[in-house]
């Protein structure tokens, strides 16, 4: 949790502010993801902060939604091309990929109860 919080702070993703009463506060929760090796031994537990998007209000928290996703058929085609041409394929893990998206409006998310004024409690 500390690693995730520090990465977000280092990237300038959030800052602690007073809640303007005219704005909707979006809930948040921590999601814990276990990482295993090829022998099913636990290597690490990763923590991620996720917003509870169902509490968003259209035109206040967002205007329109769009998420780029690849169709499974496109992925199959890519793998077939790699296999036929003898190319190499690598897997990439984007740690903080969502940080590359800019938004034009301020979004307010509740403060984690585990982190008060930027310090772990």
PDB file of N, CA and C in Angstrom:
ATOM      1  N   UNK A   1       0.828  -1.185   0.000  1.00  0.00           N
ATOM      2  CA  UNK A   1       0.000   0.000   0.000  1.00  0.00           C
ATOM      3  C   UNK A   1       0.878   1.256   0.000  1.00  0.00           C
ATOM      4  N   UNK A   2       1.944   1.212   0.767  1.00  0.00           N
ATOM      5  CA  UNK A   2       2.844   2.355   0.839  1.00  0.00           C
ATOM      6  C   UNK A   2       3.497   2.596  -0.519  1.00  0.00           C
ATOM      7  N   UNK A   3       3.891   1.518  -1.192  1.00  0.00           N
ATOM      8  CA  UNK A   3       4.513   1.643  -2.517  1.00  0.00           C
ATOM      9  C   UNK A   3       3.543   2.282  -3.512  1.00  0.00           C
ATOM     10  N   UNK A   4       2.307   1.838  -3.545  1.00  0.00           N
ATOM     11  CA  UNK A   4       1.299   2.400  -4.447  1.00  0.00           C
ATOM     12  C   UNK A   4       1.052   3.866  -4.115  1.00  0.00           C
ATOM     13  N   UNK A   5       0.905   4.170  -2.850  1.00  0.00           N
ATOM     14  CA  UNK A   5       0.647   5.540  -2.421  1.00  0.00           C
ATOM     15  C   UNK A   5       1.815   6.450  -2.805  1.00  0.00           C
ATOM     16  N   UNK A   6       3.048   5.992  -2.562  1.00  0.00           N
ATOM     17  CA  UNK A   6       4.230   6.795  -2.888  1.00  0.00           C
ATOM     18  C   UNK A   6       4.385   6.996  -4.397  1.00  0.00           C
ATOM     19  N   UNK A   7       4.045   5.963  -5.220  1.00  0.00           N
ATOM     20  CA  UNK A   7       4.110   6.108  -6.668  1.00  0.00           C
ATOM     21  C   UNK A   7       3.111   7.155  -7.153  1.00  0.00           C
ATOM     22  N   UNK A   8       1.923   7.132  -6.602  1.00  0.00           N
ATOM     23  CA  UNK A   8       0.911   8.105  -6.993  1.00  0.00           C
ATOM     24  C   UNK A   8       1.334   9.515  -6.598  1.00  0.00           C
ATOM     25  N   UNK A   9       1.915   9.645  -5.414  1.00  0.00           N
ATOM     26  CA  UNK A   9       2.365  10.961  -4.958  1.00  0.00           C
ATOM     27  C   UNK A   9       3.523  11.458  -5.822  1.00  0.00           C
ATOM     28  N   UNK A  10       4.474  10.574  -6.160  1.00  0.00           N
ATOM     29  CA  UNK A  10       5.627  10.951  -6.978  1.00  0.00           C
ATOM     30  C   UNK A  10       5.201  11.376  -8.384  1.00  0.00           C
ATOM     31  N   UNK A  11       4.140  10.773  -8.921  1.00  0.00           N
ATOM     32  CA  UNK A  11       3.657  11.097 -10.257  1.00  0.00           C
ATOM     33  C   UNK A  11       2.731  12.319 -10.267  1.00  0.00           C
ATOM     34  N   UNK A  12       2.423  12.838  -9.101  1.00  0.00           N
ATOM     35  CA  UNK A  12       1.537  14.005  -9.038  1.00  0.00           C
ATOM     36  C   UNK A  12       0.099  13.696  -9.395  1.00  0.00           C
ATOM     37  N   UNK A  13      -0.324  12.468  -9.139  1.00  0.00           N
ATOM     38  CA  UNK A  13      -1.678  12.037  -9.487  1.00  0.00           C
ATOM     39  C   UNK A  13      -2.723  12.676  -8.583  1.00  0.00           C
ATOM     40  N   UNK A  14      -2.375  12.885  -7.350  1.00  0.00           N
ATOM     41  CA  UNK A  14      -3.374  13.416  -6.426  1.00  0.00           C
ATOM     42  C   UNK A  14      -2.732  14.383  -5.454  1.00  0.00           C
ATOM     43  N   UNK A  15      -3.583  15.153  -4.831  1.00  0.00           N
ATOM     44  CA  UNK A  15      -3.150  15.984  -3.718  1.00  0.00           C
ATOM     45  C   UNK A  15      -4.313  16.062  -2.742  1.00  0.00           C
ATOM     46  N   UNK A  16      -3.985  16.221  -1.488  1.00  0.00           N
ATOM     47  CA  UNK A  16      -4.986  16.291  -0.438  1.00  0.00           C
ATOM     48  C   UNK A  16      -5.567  17.704  -0.414  1.00  0.00           C
ATOM     49  N   UNK A  17      -6.882  17.811  -0.579  1.00  0.00           N
ATOM     50  CA  UNK A  17      -7.551  19.115  -0.614  1.00  0.00           C
ATOM     51  C   UNK A  17      -8.801  19.055   0.251  1.00  0.00           C
ATOM     52  N   UNK A  18      -9.316  20.227   0.567  1.00  0.00           N
ATOM     53  CA  UNK A  18     -10.608  20.301   1.236  1.00  0.00           C
ATOM     54  C   UNK A  18     -11.686  19.957   0.217  1.00  0.00           C
ATOM     55  N   UNK A  19     -12.737  19.305   0.658  1.00  0.00           N
ATOM     56  CA  UNK A  19     -13.818  18.878  -0.224  1.00  0.00           C
ATOM     57  C   UNK A  19     -14.775  20.034  -0.484  1.00  0.00           C
ATOM     58  N   UNK A  20     -14.862  20.488  -1.761  1.00  0.00           N
ATOM     59  CA  UNK A  20     -15.877  21.497  -2.088  1.00  0.00           C
ATOM     60  C   UNK A  20     -17.253  20.837  -2.038  1.00  0.00           C
ATOM     61  N   UNK A  21     -18.137  21.357  -1.246  1.00  0.00           N
ATOM     62  CA  UNK A  21     -19.434  20.720  -1.034  1.00  0.00           C
ATOM     63  C   UNK A  21     -20.248  20.579  -2.308  1.00  0.00           C
ATOM     64  N   UNK A  22     -19.940  21.366  -3.338  1.00  0.00           N
ATOM     65  CA  UNK A  22     -20.690  21.274  -4.589  1.00  0.00           C
ATOM     66  C   UNK A  22     -20.242  20.093  -5.446  1.00  0.00           C
ATOM     67  N   UNK A  23     -19.162  19.422  -5.058  1.00  0.00           N
ATOM     68  CA  UNK A  23     -18.619  18.325  -5.861  1.00  0.00           C
ATOM     69  C   UNK A  23     -18.995  16.969  -5.256  1.00  0.00           C
ATOM     70  N   UNK A  24     -19.147  15.975  -6.124  1.00  0.00           N
ATOM     71  CA  UNK A  24     -19.431  14.603  -5.703  1.00  0.00           C
ATOM     72  C   UNK A  24     -18.125  13.927  -5.278  1.00  0.00           C
ATOM     73  N   UNK A  25     -18.173  13.215  -4.182  1.00  0.00           N
ATOM     74  CA  UNK A  25     -16.998  12.458  -3.743  1.00  0.00           C
ATOM     75  C   UNK A  25     -17.175  11.021  -4.211  1.00  0.00           C
ATOM     76  N   UNK A  26     -16.161  10.492  -4.898  1.00  0.00           N
ATOM     77  CA  UNK A  26     -16.193   9.120  -5.394  1.00  0.00           C
ATOM     78  C   UNK A  26     -15.527   8.228  -4.354  1.00  0.00           C
ATOM     79  N   UNK A  27     -16.161   7.128  -4.036  1.00  0.00           N
ATOM     80  CA  UNK A  27     -15.589   6.193  -3.076  1.00  0.00           C
ATOM     81  C   UNK A  27     -14.354   5.506  -3.644  1.00  0.00           C
ATOM     82  N   UNK A  28     -13.561   4.934  -2.773  1.00  0.00           N
ATOM     83  CA  UNK A  28     -12.385   4.181  -3.211  1.00  0.00           C
ATOM     84  C   UNK A  28     -12.224   2.961  -2.320  1.00  0.00           C
ATOM     85  N   UNK A  29     -11.448   2.021  -2.820  1.00  0.00           N
ATOM     86  CA  UNK A  29     -11.123   0.856  -2.001  1.00  0.00           C
ATOM     87  C   UNK A  29      -9.787   0.307  -2.455  1.00  0.00           C
ATOM     88  N   UNK A  30      -9.169  -0.434  -1.597  1.00  0.00           N
ATOM     89  CA  UNK A  30      -7.905  -1.102  -1.910  1.00  0.00           C
ATOM     90  C   UNK A  30      -8.215  -2.492  -2.451  1.00  0.00           C
ATOM     91  N   UNK A  31      -7.518  -2.863  -3.522  1.00  0.00           N
ATOM     92  CA  UNK A  31      -7.629  -4.201  -4.100  1.00  0.00           C
ATOM     93  C   UNK A  31      -6.254  -4.845  -3.964  1.00  0.00           C
ATOM     94  N   UNK A  32      -6.219  -6.062  -3.447  1.00  0.00           N
ATOM     95  CA  UNK A  32      -4.957  -6.763  -3.226  1.00  0.00           C
ATOM     96  C   UNK A  32      -4.839  -7.914  -4.223  1.00  0.00           C
ATOM     97  N   UNK A  33      -3.707  -7.938  -4.933  1.00  0.00           N
ATOM     98  CA  UNK A  33      -3.500  -8.923  -5.987  1.00  0.00           C
ATOM     99  C   UNK A  33      -2.292  -9.783  -5.633  1.00  0.00           C
ATOM    100  N   UNK A  34      -2.496 -11.077  -5.387  1.00  0.00           N
ATOM    101  CA  UNK A  34      -1.330 -11.937  -5.127  1.00  0.00           C
ATOM    102  C   UNK A  34      -0.605 -12.272  -6.421  1.00  0.00           C
ATOM    103  N   UNK A  35       0.716 -12.283  -6.392  1.00  0.00           N
ATOM    104  CA  UNK A  35       1.538 -12.643  -7.552  1.00  0.00           C
ATOM    105  C   UNK A  35       2.263 -13.944  -7.234  1.00  0.00           C
ATOM    106  N   UNK A  36       2.158 -14.938  -8.148  1.00  0.00           N
ATOM    107  CA  UNK A  36       2.743 -16.249  -7.937  1.00  0.00           C
ATOM    108  C   UNK A  36       3.815 -16.525  -8.987  1.00  0.00           C
ATOM    109  N   UNK A  37       4.764 -17.420  -8.650  1.00  0.00           N
ATOM    110  CA  UNK A  37       5.740 -17.850  -9.654  1.00  0.00           C
ATOM    111  C   UNK A  37       5.191 -19.079 -10.379  1.00  0.00           C
ATOM    112  N   UNK A  38       6.012 -19.663 -11.238  1.00  0.00           N
ATOM    113  CA  UNK A  38       5.539 -20.792 -12.049  1.00  0.00           C
ATOM    114  C   UNK A  38       5.235 -22.038 -11.216  1.00  0.00           C
ATOM    115  N   UNK A  39       5.755 -22.105  -9.983  1.00  0.00           N
ATOM    116  CA  UNK A  39       5.474 -23.234  -9.092  1.00  0.00           C
ATOM    117  C   UNK A  39       4.373 -22.925  -8.091  1.00  0.00           C
ATOM    118  N   UNK A  40       3.621 -21.883  -8.352  1.00  0.00           N
ATOM    119  CA  UNK A  40       2.493 -21.453  -7.515  1.00  0.00           C
ATOM    120  C   UNK A  40       2.909 -21.005  -6.118  1.00  0.00           C
ATOM    121  N   UNK A  41       4.152 -20.568  -5.971  1.00  0.00           N
ATOM    122  CA  UNK A  41       4.598 -20.001  -4.696  1.00  0.00           C
ATOM    123  C   UNK A  41       4.306 -18.505  -4.709  1.00  0.00           C
ATOM    124  N   UNK A  42       3.831 -18.003  -3.591  1.00  0.00           N
ATOM    125  CA  UNK A  42       3.505 -16.594  -3.470  1.00  0.00           C
ATOM    126  C   UNK A  42       4.784 -15.763  -3.526  1.00  0.00           C
ATOM    127  N   UNK A  43       4.854 -14.857  -4.497  1.00  0.00           N
ATOM    128  CA  UNK A  43       6.017 -13.992  -4.626  1.00  0.00           C
ATOM    129  C   UNK A  43       5.801 -12.642  -3.959  1.00  0.00           C
ATOM    130  N   UNK A  44       4.620 -12.092  -4.139  1.00  0.00           N
ATOM    131  CA  UNK A  44       4.372 -10.733  -3.696  1.00  0.00           C
ATOM    132  C   UNK A  44       2.876 -10.499  -3.602  1.00  0.00           C
ATOM    133  N   UNK A  45       2.516  -9.513  -2.844  1.00  0.00           N
ATOM    134  CA  UNK A  45       1.127  -9.052  -2.810  1.00  0.00           C
ATOM    135  C   UNK A  45       1.145  -7.594  -3.229  1.00  0.00           C
ATOM    136  N   UNK A  46       0.406  -7.262  -4.272  1.00  0.00           N
ATOM    137  CA  UNK A  46       0.368  -5.887  -4.749  1.00  0.00           C
ATOM    138  C   UNK A  46      -0.951  -5.252  -4.347  1.00  0.00           C
ATOM    139  N   UNK A  47      -0.868  -4.002  -3.963  1.00  0.00           N
ATOM    140  CA  UNK A  47      -2.060  -3.259  -3.572  1.00  0.00           C
ATOM    141  C   UNK A  47      -2.321  -2.182  -4.607  1.00  0.00           C
ATOM    142  N   UNK A  48      -3.569  -2.012  -4.985  1.00  0.00           N
ATOM    143  CA  UNK A  48      -3.973  -0.989  -5.938  1.00  0.00           C
ATOM    144  C   UNK A  48      -5.178  -0.236  -5.384  1.00  0.00           C
ATOM    145  N   UNK A  49      -5.179   1.069  -5.613  1.00  0.00           N
ATOM    146  CA  UNK A  49      -6.336   1.876  -5.238  1.00  0.00           C
ATOM    147  C   UNK A  49      -7.266   1.923  -6.452  1.00  0.00           C
ATOM    148  N   UNK A  50      -8.514   1.610  -6.245  1.00  0.00           N
ATOM    149  CA  UNK A  50      -9.483   1.690  -7.339  1.00  0.00           C
ATOM    150  C   UNK A  50     -10.647   2.580  -6.911  1.00  0.00           C
ATOM    151  N   UNK A  51     -11.132   3.345  -7.873  1.00  0.00           N
ATOM    152  CA  UNK A  51     -12.280   4.216  -7.621  1.00  0.00           C
ATOM    153  C   UNK A  51     -13.558   3.417  -7.800  1.00  0.00           C
ATOM    154  N   UNK A  52     -14.542   3.723  -7.006  1.00  0.00           N
ATOM    155  CA  UNK A  52     -15.845   3.081  -7.132  1.00  0.00           C
ATOM    156  C   UNK A  52     -16.658   3.903  -8.132  1.00  0.00           C
ATOM    157  N   UNK A  53     -16.412   3.615  -9.421  1.00  0.00           N
ATOM    158  CA  UNK A  53     -16.980   4.397 -10.512  1.00  0.00           C
ATOM    159  C   UNK A  53     -18.491   4.454 -10.532  1.00  0.00           C
ATOM    160  N   UNK A  54     -19.148   3.489  -9.906  1.00  0.00           N
ATOM    161  CA  UNK A  54     -20.613   3.488  -9.909  1.00  0.00           C
ATOM    162  C   UNK A  54     -21.186   4.687  -9.164  1.00  0.00           C
ATOM    163  N   UNK A  55     -20.364   5.366  -8.370  1.00  0.00           N
ATOM    164  CA  UNK A  55     -20.863   6.525  -7.623  1.00  0.00           C
ATOM    165  C   UNK A  55     -20.668   7.839  -8.382  1.00  0.00           C
ATOM    166  N   UNK A  56     -20.168   7.759  -9.622  1.00  0.00           N
ATOM    167  CA  UNK A  56     -19.972   8.963 -10.421  1.00  0.00           C
ATOM    168  C   UNK A  56     -21.303   9.480 -10.956  1.00  0.00           C
ATOM    169  N   UNK A  57     -21.348  10.784 -11.154  1.00  0.00           N
ATOM    170  CA  UNK A  57     -22.531  11.432 -11.701  1.00  0.00           C
ATOM    171  C   UNK A  57     -22.150  12.045 -13.044  1.00  0.00           C
ATOM    172  N   UNK A  58     -22.891  11.683 -14.101  1.00  0.00           N
ATOM    173  CA  UNK A  58     -22.589  12.193 -15.432  1.00  0.00           C
ATOM    174  C   UNK A  58     -22.686  13.717 -15.452  1.00  0.00           C
ATOM    175  N   UNK A  59     -21.798  14.338 -16.214  1.00  0.00           N
ATOM    176  CA  UNK A  59     -21.648  15.789 -16.358  1.00  0.00           C
ATOM    177  C   UNK A  59     -21.004  16.434 -15.133  1.00  0.00           C
ATOM    178  N   UNK A  60     -20.981  15.756 -13.983  1.00  0.00           N
ATOM    179  CA  UNK A  60     -20.277  16.300 -12.824  1.00  0.00           C
ATOM    180  C   UNK A  60     -18.899  15.650 -12.728  1.00  0.00           C
ATOM    181  N   UNK A  61     -18.840  14.321 -12.816  1.00  0.00           N
ATOM    182  CA  UNK A  61     -17.586  13.585 -12.694  1.00  0.00           C
ATOM    183  C   UNK A  61     -17.019  13.154 -14.041  1.00  0.00           C
ATOM    184  N   UNK A  62     -17.844  13.102 -15.060  1.00  0.00           N
ATOM    185  CA  UNK A  62     -17.375  12.706 -16.386  1.00  0.00           C
ATOM    186  C   UNK A  62     -18.358  13.202 -17.434  1.00  0.00           C
ATOM    187  N   UNK A  63     -17.855  13.314 -18.674  1.00  0.00           N
ATOM    188  CA  UNK A  63     -18.727  13.721 -19.770  1.00  0.00           C
ATOM    189  C   UNK A  63     -19.076  12.533 -20.655  1.00  0.00           C
ATOM    190  N   UNK A  64     -18.063  11.817 -21.117  1.00  0.00           N
ATOM    191  CA  UNK A  64     -18.307  10.609 -21.892  1.00  0.00           C
ATOM    192  C   UNK A  64     -17.237   9.591 -21.528  1.00  0.00           C
ATOM    193  N   UNK A  65     -17.509   8.351 -21.837  1.00  0.00           N
ATOM    194  CA  UNK A  65     -16.560   7.294 -21.497  1.00  0.00           C
ATOM    195  C   UNK A  65     -16.058   6.633 -22.762  1.00  0.00           C
ATOM    196  N   UNK A  66     -14.796   6.247 -22.716  1.00  0.00           N
ATOM    197  CA  UNK A  66     -14.203   5.550 -23.841  1.00  0.00           C
ATOM    198  C   UNK A  66     -13.021   4.755 -23.310  1.00  0.00           C
ATOM    199  N   UNK A  67     -12.987   3.505 -23.621  1.00  0.00           N
ATOM    200  CA  UNK A  67     -11.876   2.656 -23.197  1.00  0.00           C
ATOM    201  C   UNK A  67     -11.401   1.854 -24.401  1.00  0.00           C
ATOM    202  N   UNK A  68     -10.139   2.032 -24.734  1.00  0.00           N
ATOM    203  CA  UNK A  68      -9.572   1.298 -25.861  1.00  0.00           C
ATOM    204  C   UNK A  68      -9.341  -0.148 -25.415  1.00  0.00           C
ATOM    205  N   UNK A  69      -9.928  -1.076 -26.123  1.00  0.00           N
ATOM    206  CA  UNK A  69      -9.718  -2.495 -25.831  1.00  0.00           C
ATOM    207  C   UNK A  69      -9.496  -3.233 -27.144  1.00  0.00           C
ATOM    208  N   UNK A  70      -8.656  -4.233 -27.084  1.00  0.00           N
ATOM    209  CA  UNK A  70      -8.387  -5.036 -28.284  1.00  0.00           C
ATOM    210  C   UNK A  70      -9.376  -6.199 -28.340  1.00  0.00           C
ATOM    211  N   UNK A  71      -9.866  -6.463 -29.517  1.00  0.00           N
ATOM    212  CA  UNK A  71     -10.729  -7.632 -29.691  1.00  0.00           C
ATOM    213  C   UNK A  71      -9.866  -8.885 -29.644  1.00  0.00           C
ATOM    214  N   UNK A  72     -10.415  -9.977 -29.174  1.00  0.00           N
ATOM    215  CA  UNK A  72      -9.686 -11.234 -29.088  1.00  0.00           C
ATOM    216  C   UNK A  72      -9.218 -11.688 -30.469  1.00  0.00           C
ATOM    217  N   UNK A  73     -10.031 -11.445 -31.485  1.00  0.00           N
ATOM    218  CA  UNK A  73      -9.656 -11.827 -32.848  1.00  0.00           C
ATOM    219  C   UNK A  73      -8.399 -11.086 -33.304  1.00  0.00           C
ATOM    220  N   UNK A  74      -8.270  -9.822 -32.923  1.00  0.00           N
ATOM    221  CA  UNK A  74      -7.080  -9.039 -33.279  1.00  0.00           C
ATOM    222  C   UNK A  74      -5.841  -9.613 -32.610  1.00  0.00           C
ATOM    223  N   UNK A  75      -5.984 -10.018 -31.369  1.00  0.00           N
ATOM    224  CA  UNK A  75      -4.866 -10.621 -30.646  1.00  0.00           C
ATOM    225  C   UNK A  75      -4.464 -11.948 -31.294  1.00  0.00           C
ATOM    226  N   UNK A  76      -5.437 -12.759 -31.695  1.00  0.00           N
ATOM    227  CA  UNK A  76      -5.152 -14.030 -32.380  1.00  0.00           C
ATOM    228  C   UNK A  76      -4.425 -13.783 -33.689  1.00  0.00           C
ATOM    229  N   UNK A  77      -4.841 -12.752 -34.422  1.00  0.00           N
ATOM    230  CA  UNK A  77      -4.183 -12.406 -35.682  1.00  0.00           C
ATOM    231  C   UNK A  77      -2.734 -11.994 -35.440  1.00  0.00           C
ATOM    232  N   UNK A  78      -2.499 -11.190 -34.414  1.00  0.00           N
ATOM    233  CA  UNK A  78      -1.147 -10.774 -34.065  1.00  0.00           C
ATOM    234  C   UNK A  78      -0.268 -11.984 -33.741  1.00  0.00           C
ATOM    235  N   UNK A  79      -0.789 -12.915 -32.955  1.00  0.00           N
ATOM    236  CA  UNK A  79      -0.019 -14.119 -32.605  1.00  0.00           C
ATOM    237  C   UNK A  79       0.262 -14.965 -33.844  1.00  0.00           C
ATOM    238  N   UNK A  80      -0.689 -15.058 -34.772  1.00  0.00           N
ATOM    239  CA  UNK A  80      -0.485 -15.827 -35.999  1.00  0.00           C
ATOM    240  C   UNK A  80       0.610 -15.190 -36.860  1.00  0.00           C
ATOM    241  N   UNK A  81       0.602 -13.866 -36.967  1.00  0.00           N
ATOM    242  CA  UNK A  81       1.637 -13.174 -37.738  1.00  0.00           C
ATOM    243  C   UNK A  81       3.008 -13.395 -37.122  1.00  0.00           C
ATOM    244  N   UNK A  82       3.097 -13.315 -35.799  1.00  0.00           N
ATOM    245  CA  UNK A  82       4.366 -13.550 -35.101  1.00  0.00           C
ATOM    246  C   UNK A  82       4.860 -14.964 -35.369  1.00  0.00           C
ATOM    247  N   UNK A  83       3.966 -15.938 -35.286  1.00  0.00           N
ATOM    248  CA  UNK A  83       4.352 -17.334 -35.500  1.00  0.00           C
ATOM    249  C   UNK A  83       4.779 -17.588 -36.955  1.00  0.00           C
ATOM    250  N   UNK A  84       4.052 -17.022 -37.906  1.00  0.00           N
ATOM    251  CA  UNK A  84       4.364 -17.249 -39.321  1.00  0.00           C
ATOM    252  C   UNK A  84       5.654 -16.578 -39.772  1.00  0.00           C
ATOM    253  N   UNK A  85       5.953 -15.433 -39.205  1.00  0.00           N
ATOM    254  CA  UNK A  85       7.135 -14.683 -39.647  1.00  0.00           C
ATOM    255  C   UNK A  85       8.369 -14.947 -38.799  1.00  0.00           C
ATOM    256  N   UNK A  86       8.225 -15.715 -37.731  1.00  0.00           N
ATOM    257  CA  UNK A  86       9.365 -16.030 -36.870  1.00  0.00           C
ATOM    258  C   UNK A  86       9.819 -14.864 -35.995  1.00  0.00           C
ATOM    259  N   UNK A  87       8.935 -13.911 -35.775  1.00  0.00           N
ATOM    260  CA  UNK A  87       9.266 -12.772 -34.921  1.00  0.00           C
ATOM    261  C   UNK A  87       9.238 -13.177 -33.452  1.00  0.00           C
ATOM    262  N   UNK A  88       9.745 -12.314 -32.588  1.00  0.00           N
ATOM    263  CA  UNK A  88       9.721 -12.544 -31.150  1.00  0.00           C
ATOM    264  C   UNK A  88       8.632 -11.683 -30.528  1.00  0.00           C
ATOM    265  N   UNK A  89       8.045 -12.180 -29.467  1.00  0.00           N
ATOM    266  CA  UNK A  89       6.976 -11.465 -28.778  1.00  0.00           C
ATOM    267  C   UNK A  89       7.338 -11.381 -27.304  1.00  0.00           C
ATOM    268  N   UNK A  90       7.234 -10.183 -26.729  1.00  0.00           N
ATOM    269  CA  UNK A  90       7.530  -9.989 -25.315  1.00  0.00           C
ATOM    270  C   UNK A  90       6.290  -9.521 -24.586  1.00  0.00           C
ATOM    271  N   UNK A  91       6.246  -9.838 -23.313  1.00  0.00           N
ATOM    272  CA  UNK A  91       5.166  -9.360 -22.461  1.00  0.00           C
ATOM    273  C   UNK A  91       5.665  -8.129 -21.723  1.00  0.00           C
ATOM    274  N   UNK A  92       4.818  -7.118 -21.606  1.00  0.00           N
ATOM    275  CA  UNK A  92       5.179  -5.894 -20.910  1.00  0.00           C
ATOM    276  C   UNK A  92       4.168  -5.659 -19.802  1.00  0.00           C
ATOM    277  N   UNK A  93       4.660  -5.290 -18.637  1.00  0.00           N
ATOM    278  CA  UNK A  93       3.798  -4.969 -17.511  1.00  0.00           C
ATOM    279  C   UNK A  93       3.854  -3.470 -17.276  1.00  0.00           C
ATOM    280  N   UNK A  94       2.747  -2.772 -17.523  1.00  0.00           N
ATOM    281  CA  UNK A  94       2.680  -1.340 -17.269  1.00  0.00           C
ATOM    282  C   UNK A  94       2.250  -1.135 -15.828  1.00  0.00           C
ATOM    283  N   UNK A  95       3.133  -0.593 -15.022  1.00  0.00           N
ATOM    284  CA  UNK A  95       2.858  -0.442 -13.600  1.00  0.00           C
ATOM    285  C   UNK A  95       1.824   0.645 -13.348  1.00  0.00           C
ATOM    286  N   UNK A  96       1.974   1.791 -13.970  1.00  0.00           N
ATOM    287  CA  UNK A  96       1.074   2.919 -13.722  1.00  0.00           C
ATOM    288  C   UNK A  96       0.545   3.463 -15.050  1.00  0.00           C
ATOM    289  N   UNK A  97       0.041   2.609 -15.906  1.00  0.00           N
ATOM    290  CA  UNK A  97      -0.347   3.001 -17.260  1.00  0.00           C
ATOM    291  C   UNK A  97      -1.441   4.066 -17.283  1.00  0.00           C
ATOM    292  N   UNK A  98      -2.347   4.034 -16.339  1.00  0.00           N
ATOM    293  CA  UNK A  98      -3.453   4.979 -16.372  1.00  0.00           C
ATOM    294  C   UNK A  98      -2.995   6.420 -16.190  1.00  0.00           C
ATOM    295  N   UNK A  99      -1.789   6.627 -15.715  1.00  0.00           N
ATOM    296  CA  UNK A  99      -1.287   7.983 -15.503  1.00  0.00           C
ATOM    297  C   UNK A  99      -1.066   8.727 -16.809  1.00  0.00           C
ATOM    298  N   UNK A 100      -1.061   8.032 -17.921  1.00  0.00           N
ATOM    299  CA  UNK A 100      -0.828   8.675 -19.207  1.00  0.00           C
ATOM    300  C   UNK A 100      -2.077   9.342 -19.761  1.00  0.00           C
ATOM    301  N   UNK A 101      -3.193   9.203 -19.110  1.00  0.00           N
ATOM    302  CA  UNK A 101      -4.434   9.798 -19.580  1.00  0.00           C
ATOM    303  C   UNK A 101      -4.662  11.137 -18.891  1.00  0.00           C
ATOM    304  N   UNK A 102      -4.857  12.168 -19.689  1.00  0.00           N
ATOM    305  CA  UNK A 102      -5.167  13.482 -19.132  1.00  0.00           C
ATOM    306  C   UNK A 102      -6.677  13.657 -19.104  1.00  0.00           C
ATOM    307  N   UNK A 103      -7.163  14.302 -18.055  1.00  0.00           N
ATOM    308  CA  UNK A 103      -8.587  14.620 -17.982  1.00  0.00           C
ATOM    309  C   UNK A 103      -8.713  16.126 -17.770  1.00  0.00           C
ATOM    310  N   UNK A 104      -9.829  16.689 -18.214  1.00  0.00           N
ATOM    311  CA  UNK A 104     -10.027  18.136 -18.182  1.00  0.00           C
ATOM    312  C   UNK A 104     -10.776  18.623 -16.948  1.00  0.00           C
ATOM    313  N   UNK A 105     -11.283  17.713 -16.137  1.00  0.00           N
ATOM    314  CA  UNK A 105     -12.059  18.120 -14.970  1.00  0.00           C
ATOM    315  C   UNK A 105     -11.426  17.570 -13.707  1.00  0.00           C
ATOM    316  N   UNK A 106     -11.729  18.204 -12.595  1.00  0.00           N
ATOM    317  CA  UNK A 106     -11.248  17.710 -11.308  1.00  0.00           C
ATOM    318  C   UNK A 106     -12.161  16.597 -10.832  1.00  0.00           C
ATOM    319  N   UNK A 107     -11.571  15.541 -10.312  1.00  0.00           N
ATOM    320  CA  UNK A 107     -12.317  14.417  -9.768  1.00  0.00           C
ATOM    321  C   UNK A 107     -11.922  14.290  -8.303  1.00  0.00           C
ATOM    322  N   UNK A 108     -12.906  14.195  -7.436  1.00  0.00           N
ATOM    323  CA  UNK A 108     -12.649  14.106  -6.008  1.00  0.00           C
ATOM    324  C   UNK A 108     -12.934  12.689  -5.536  1.00  0.00           C
ATOM    325  N   UNK A 109     -11.941  12.092  -4.901  1.00  0.00           N
ATOM    326  CA  UNK A 109     -12.062  10.724  -4.389  1.00  0.00           C
ATOM    327  C   UNK A 109     -11.793  10.774  -2.895  1.00  0.00           C
ATOM    328  N   UNK A 110     -12.498   9.950  -2.156  1.00  0.00           N
ATOM    329  CA  UNK A 110     -12.330   9.986  -0.705  1.00  0.00           C
ATOM    330  C   UNK A 110     -10.904   9.601  -0.328  1.00  0.00           C
ATOM    331  N   UNK A 111     -10.463  10.125   0.783  1.00  0.00           N
ATOM    332  CA  UNK A 111      -9.129   9.817   1.275  1.00  0.00           C
ATOM    333  C   UNK A 111      -9.127   8.420   1.887  1.00  0.00           C
ATOM    334  N   UNK A 112      -8.069   7.672   1.617  1.00  0.00           N
ATOM    335  CA  UNK A 112      -7.932   6.355   2.213  1.00  0.00           C
ATOM    336  C   UNK A 112      -7.825   6.482   3.728  1.00  0.00           C
ATOM    337  N   UNK A 113      -8.562   5.659   4.423  1.00  0.00           N
ATOM    338  CA  UNK A 113      -8.511   5.701   5.886  1.00  0.00           C
ATOM    339  C   UNK A 113      -7.165   5.199   6.419  1.00  0.00           C
ATOM    340  N   UNK A 114      -6.390   4.523   5.554  1.00  0.00           N
ATOM    341  CA  UNK A 114      -5.067   4.028   5.941  1.00  0.00           C
ATOM    342  C   UNK A 114      -4.003   5.104   5.837  1.00  0.00           C
ATOM    343  N   UNK A 115      -4.291   6.186   5.114  1.00  0.00           N
ATOM    344  CA  UNK A 115      -3.327   7.256   4.896  1.00  0.00           C
ATOM    345  C   UNK A 115      -3.966   8.578   5.289  1.00  0.00           C
ATOM    346  N   UNK A 116      -3.533   9.107   6.400  1.00  0.00           N
ATOM    347  CA  UNK A 116      -4.077  10.376   6.881  1.00  0.00           C
ATOM    348  C   UNK A 116      -3.007  11.453   6.713  1.00  0.00           C
ATOM    349  N   UNK A 117      -3.322  12.470   5.932  1.00  0.00           N
ATOM    350  CA  UNK A 117      -2.400  13.563   5.632  1.00  0.00           C
ATOM    351  C   UNK A 117      -1.077  13.043   5.095  1.00  0.00           C
ATOM    352  N   UNK A 118      -1.153  12.027   4.218  1.00  0.00           N
ATOM    353  CA  UNK A 118       0.033  11.537   3.540  1.00  0.00           C
ATOM    354  C   UNK A 118       0.887  10.586   4.353  1.00  0.00           C
ATOM    355  N   UNK A 119       0.424  10.197   5.522  1.00  0.00           N
ATOM    356  CA  UNK A 119       1.193   9.281   6.350  1.00  0.00           C
ATOM    357  C   UNK A 119       0.381   8.025   6.620  1.00  0.00           C
ATOM    358  N   UNK A 120       1.081   6.887   6.658  1.00  0.00           N
ATOM    359  CA  UNK A 120       0.413   5.614   6.923  1.00  0.00           C
ATOM    360  C   UNK A 120       0.028   5.561   8.394  1.00  0.00           C
ATOM    361  N   UNK A 121      -1.224   5.121   8.650  1.00  0.00           N
ATOM    362  CA  UNK A 121      -1.650   4.973  10.041  1.00  0.00           C
ATOM    363  C   UNK A 121      -1.881   3.510  10.362  1.00  0.00           C
TER     364      UNK A 121
END
